[in-house]
Amino acid sequence: MPTISEEEIIKVKIIPDFSRVYPRNYSNYMSISHDEFGFTFTFCENKVELIEGMKDQLKKDADGNLCVSSPVVSQIVVSPLFIPKILEAIRLNYEKFQKKNLLKG
């Protein structure tokens, strides 16, 4: 595999292109799993009012925890190399969110 010298490296900023419309989904639950190839983020939408009316559908897992099925709204798989950037972006955005919302009162 050919190597790239320092002089050949070009830094490029990636800007999201919203010309193609993808659905924007709401999620109030996320689970994360991983394997040797990547991390999978699974987003679900729990509807509390439905869960309370579904007590007969609750099941217990191997640890004895009550469980209910929740609709998956999206799954995203990312490279392990991208995880540090995701963590930093979440940290920075959450700090901005906290500052903005704490000022509101």
C-alpha atoms as a PDB file:
ATOM      1  CA  MET A   1       0.000   0.000   0.000  1.00  0.00           C
ATOM      2  CA  PRO A   2       1.516   3.368  -0.978  1.00  0.00           C
ATOM      3  CA  THR A   3       2.208   5.829   1.800  1.00  0.00           C
ATOM      4  CA  ILE A   4       1.180   9.487   1.794  1.00  0.00           C
ATOM      5  CA  SER A   5       3.774  12.092   2.653  1.00  0.00           C
ATOM      6  CA  GLU A   6       3.069  15.099   4.910  1.00  0.00           C
ATOM      7  CA  GLU A   7       3.120  17.357   1.818  1.00  0.00           C
ATOM      8  CA  GLU A   8       0.369  15.299   0.138  1.00  0.00           C
ATOM      9  CA  ILE A   9      -2.112  15.512   3.014  1.00  0.00           C
ATOM     10  CA  ILE A  10      -5.017  17.849   2.306  1.00  0.00           C
ATOM     11  CA  LYS A  11      -7.282  18.890   5.170  1.00  0.00           C
ATOM     12  CA  VAL A  12     -10.933  19.042   4.161  1.00  0.00           C
ATOM     13  CA  LYS A  13     -13.909  20.213   6.224  1.00  0.00           C
ATOM     14  CA  ILE A  14     -17.002  18.056   5.702  1.00  0.00           C
ATOM     15  CA  ILE A  15     -20.285  19.963   5.481  1.00  0.00           C
ATOM     16  CA  PRO A  16     -23.602  18.050   5.609  1.00  0.00           C
ATOM     17  CA  ASP A  17     -25.500  18.136   2.312  1.00  0.00           C
ATOM     18  CA  PHE A  18     -29.239  18.342   3.025  1.00  0.00           C
ATOM     19  CA  SER A  19     -30.273  18.241  -0.647  1.00  0.00           C
ATOM     20  CA  ARG A  20     -31.480  14.653  -0.125  1.00  0.00           C
ATOM     21  CA  VAL A  21     -34.213  14.447   2.475  1.00  0.00           C
ATOM     22  CA  TYR A  22     -33.923  11.768   5.139  1.00  0.00           C
ATOM     23  CA  PRO A  23     -36.494  11.324   7.891  1.00  0.00           C
ATOM     24  CA  ARG A  24     -35.640  12.957  11.194  1.00  0.00           C
ATOM     25  CA  ASN A  25     -36.595  10.538  13.961  1.00  0.00           C
ATOM     26  CA  TYR A  26     -37.241  11.172  17.639  1.00  0.00           C
ATOM     27  CA  SER A  27     -35.610   8.827  20.143  1.00  0.00           C
ATOM     28  CA  ASN A  28     -35.784   8.712  23.912  1.00  0.00           C
ATOM     29  CA  TYR A  29     -33.755   5.508  24.304  1.00  0.00           C
ATOM     30  CA  MET A  30     -30.428   4.411  22.848  1.00  0.00           C
ATOM     31  CA  SER A  31     -28.384   1.269  23.203  1.00  0.00           C
ATOM     32  CA  ILE A  32     -24.806   0.818  22.047  1.00  0.00           C
ATOM     33  CA  SER A  33     -23.112  -2.399  21.057  1.00  0.00           C
ATOM     34  CA  HIS A  34     -19.852  -3.160  19.290  1.00  0.00           C
ATOM     35  CA  ASP A  35     -17.920  -5.831  17.497  1.00  0.00           C
ATOM     36  CA  GLU A  36     -14.438  -5.871  15.976  1.00  0.00           C
ATOM     37  CA  PHE A  37     -15.629  -3.811  12.986  1.00  0.00           C
ATOM     38  CA  GLY A  38     -17.611  -0.993  14.556  1.00  0.00           C
ATOM     39  CA  PHE A  39     -20.015   0.464  17.085  1.00  0.00           C
ATOM     40  CA  THR A  40     -23.769   0.178  16.537  1.00  0.00           C
ATOM     41  CA  PHE A  41     -26.034   2.887  17.946  1.00  0.00           C
ATOM     42  CA  THR A  42     -29.653   1.696  18.123  1.00  0.00           C
ATOM     43  CA  PHE A  43     -32.259   4.400  18.709  1.00  0.00           C
ATOM     44  CA  CYS A  44     -35.771   3.573  19.958  1.00  0.00           C
ATOM     45  CA  GLU A  45     -38.894   5.526  20.802  1.00  0.00           C
ATOM     46  CA  ASN A  46     -40.481   4.494  24.065  1.00  0.00           C
ATOM     47  CA  LYS A  47     -44.058   5.589  24.573  1.00  0.00           C
ATOM     48  CA  VAL A  48     -44.596   5.568  28.340  1.00  0.00           C
ATOM     49  CA  GLU A  49     -48.383   5.724  28.089  1.00  0.00           C
ATOM     50  CA  LEU A  50     -48.318   2.572  25.970  1.00  0.00           C
ATOM     51  CA  ILE A  51     -45.925   0.758  28.280  1.00  0.00           C
ATOM     52  CA  GLU A  52     -48.170   1.309  31.319  1.00  0.00           C
ATOM     53  CA  GLY A  53     -51.078  -0.231  29.395  1.00  0.00           C
ATOM     54  CA  MET A  54     -48.962  -3.201  28.308  1.00  0.00           C
ATOM     55  CA  LYS A  55     -48.173  -4.832  31.666  1.00  0.00           C
ATOM     56  CA  ASP A  56     -49.272  -8.192  30.254  1.00  0.00           C
ATOM     57  CA  GLN A  57     -46.565  -7.842  27.565  1.00  0.00           C
ATOM     58  CA  LEU A  58     -43.730  -7.282  30.041  1.00  0.00           C
ATOM     59  CA  LYS A  59     -41.211 -10.090  30.179  1.00  0.00           C
ATOM     60  CA  LYS A  60     -38.267 -10.758  32.461  1.00  0.00           C
ATOM     61  CA  ASP A  61     -34.752 -11.042  31.105  1.00  0.00           C
ATOM     62  CA  ALA A  62     -32.081 -13.451  32.386  1.00  0.00           C
ATOM     63  CA  ASP A  63     -31.258 -11.043  35.232  1.00  0.00           C
ATOM     64  CA  GLY A  64     -34.897 -10.715  36.309  1.00  0.00           C
ATOM     65  CA  ASN A  65     -35.362  -7.195  34.902  1.00  0.00           C
ATOM     66  CA  LEU A  66     -38.764  -6.311  33.439  1.00  0.00           C
ATOM     67  CA  CYS A  67     -38.523  -5.692  29.681  1.00  0.00           C
ATOM     68  CA  VAL A  68     -40.822  -4.402  26.972  1.00  0.00           C
ATOM     69  CA  SER A  69     -40.262  -4.249  23.232  1.00  0.00           C
ATOM     70  CA  SER A  70     -39.575  -0.734  21.917  1.00  0.00           C
ATOM     71  CA  PRO A  71     -39.765   0.278  18.225  1.00  0.00           C
ATOM     72  CA  VAL A  72     -36.360   0.906  16.622  1.00  0.00           C
ATOM     73  CA  VAL A  73     -36.375   4.206  14.723  1.00  0.00           C
ATOM     74  CA  SER A  74     -32.787   4.085  13.466  1.00  0.00           C
ATOM     75  CA  GLN A  75     -29.501   2.196  13.641  1.00  0.00           C
ATOM     76  CA  ILE A  76     -26.138   3.779  12.865  1.00  0.00           C
ATOM     77  CA  VAL A  77     -22.865   1.867  12.586  1.00  0.00           C
ATOM     78  CA  VAL A  78     -19.605   3.812  12.916  1.00  0.00           C
ATOM     79  CA  SER A  79     -15.933   2.950  12.765  1.00  0.00           C
ATOM     80  CA  PRO A  80     -14.141   2.593  16.119  1.00  0.00           C
ATOM     81  CA  LEU A  81     -11.744   5.278  14.843  1.00  0.00           C
ATOM     82  CA  PHE A  82     -14.633   7.776  14.814  1.00  0.00           C
ATOM     83  CA  ILE A  83     -15.729   7.219  18.453  1.00  0.00           C
ATOM     84  CA  PRO A  84     -13.298   9.748  20.042  1.00  0.00           C
ATOM     85  CA  LYS A  85     -14.627  12.474  17.697  1.00  0.00           C
ATOM     86  CA  ILE A  86     -18.239  11.579  18.583  1.00  0.00           C
ATOM     87  CA  LEU A  87     -17.469  11.732  22.311  1.00  0.00           C
ATOM     88  CA  GLU A  88     -15.769  15.119  21.954  1.00  0.00           C
ATOM     89  CA  ALA A  89     -18.628  16.527  19.830  1.00  0.00           C
ATOM     90  CA  ILE A  90     -21.203  15.344  22.388  1.00  0.00           C
ATOM     91  CA  ARG A  91     -19.185  16.851  25.246  1.00  0.00           C
ATOM     92  CA  LEU A  92     -18.836  20.237  23.522  1.00  0.00           C
ATOM     93  CA  ASN A  93     -22.468  20.401  22.445  1.00  0.00           C
ATOM     94  CA  TYR A  94     -23.728  19.352  25.865  1.00  0.00           C
ATOM     95  CA  GLU A  95     -21.621  22.066  27.523  1.00  0.00           C
ATOM     96  CA  LYS A  96     -23.147  24.662  25.147  1.00  0.00           C
ATOM     97  CA  PHE A  97     -26.629  23.285  25.847  1.00  0.00           C
ATOM     98  CA  GLN A  98     -26.092  23.508  29.612  1.00  0.00           C
ATOM     99  CA  LYS A  99     -24.807  27.092  29.453  1.00  0.00           C
ATOM    100  CA  LYS A 100     -27.676  28.210  27.233  1.00  0.00           C
ATOM    101  CA  ASN A 101     -30.393  26.485  29.274  1.00  0.00           C
ATOM    102  CA  LEU A 102     -29.015  27.445  32.688  1.00  0.00           C
ATOM    103  CA  LEU A 103     -29.214  31.103  31.633  1.00  0.00           C
ATOM    104  CA  LYS A 104     -32.947  30.721  30.960  1.00  0.00           C
ATOM    105  CA  GLY A 105     -33.653  30.223  34.607  1.00  0.00           C
END
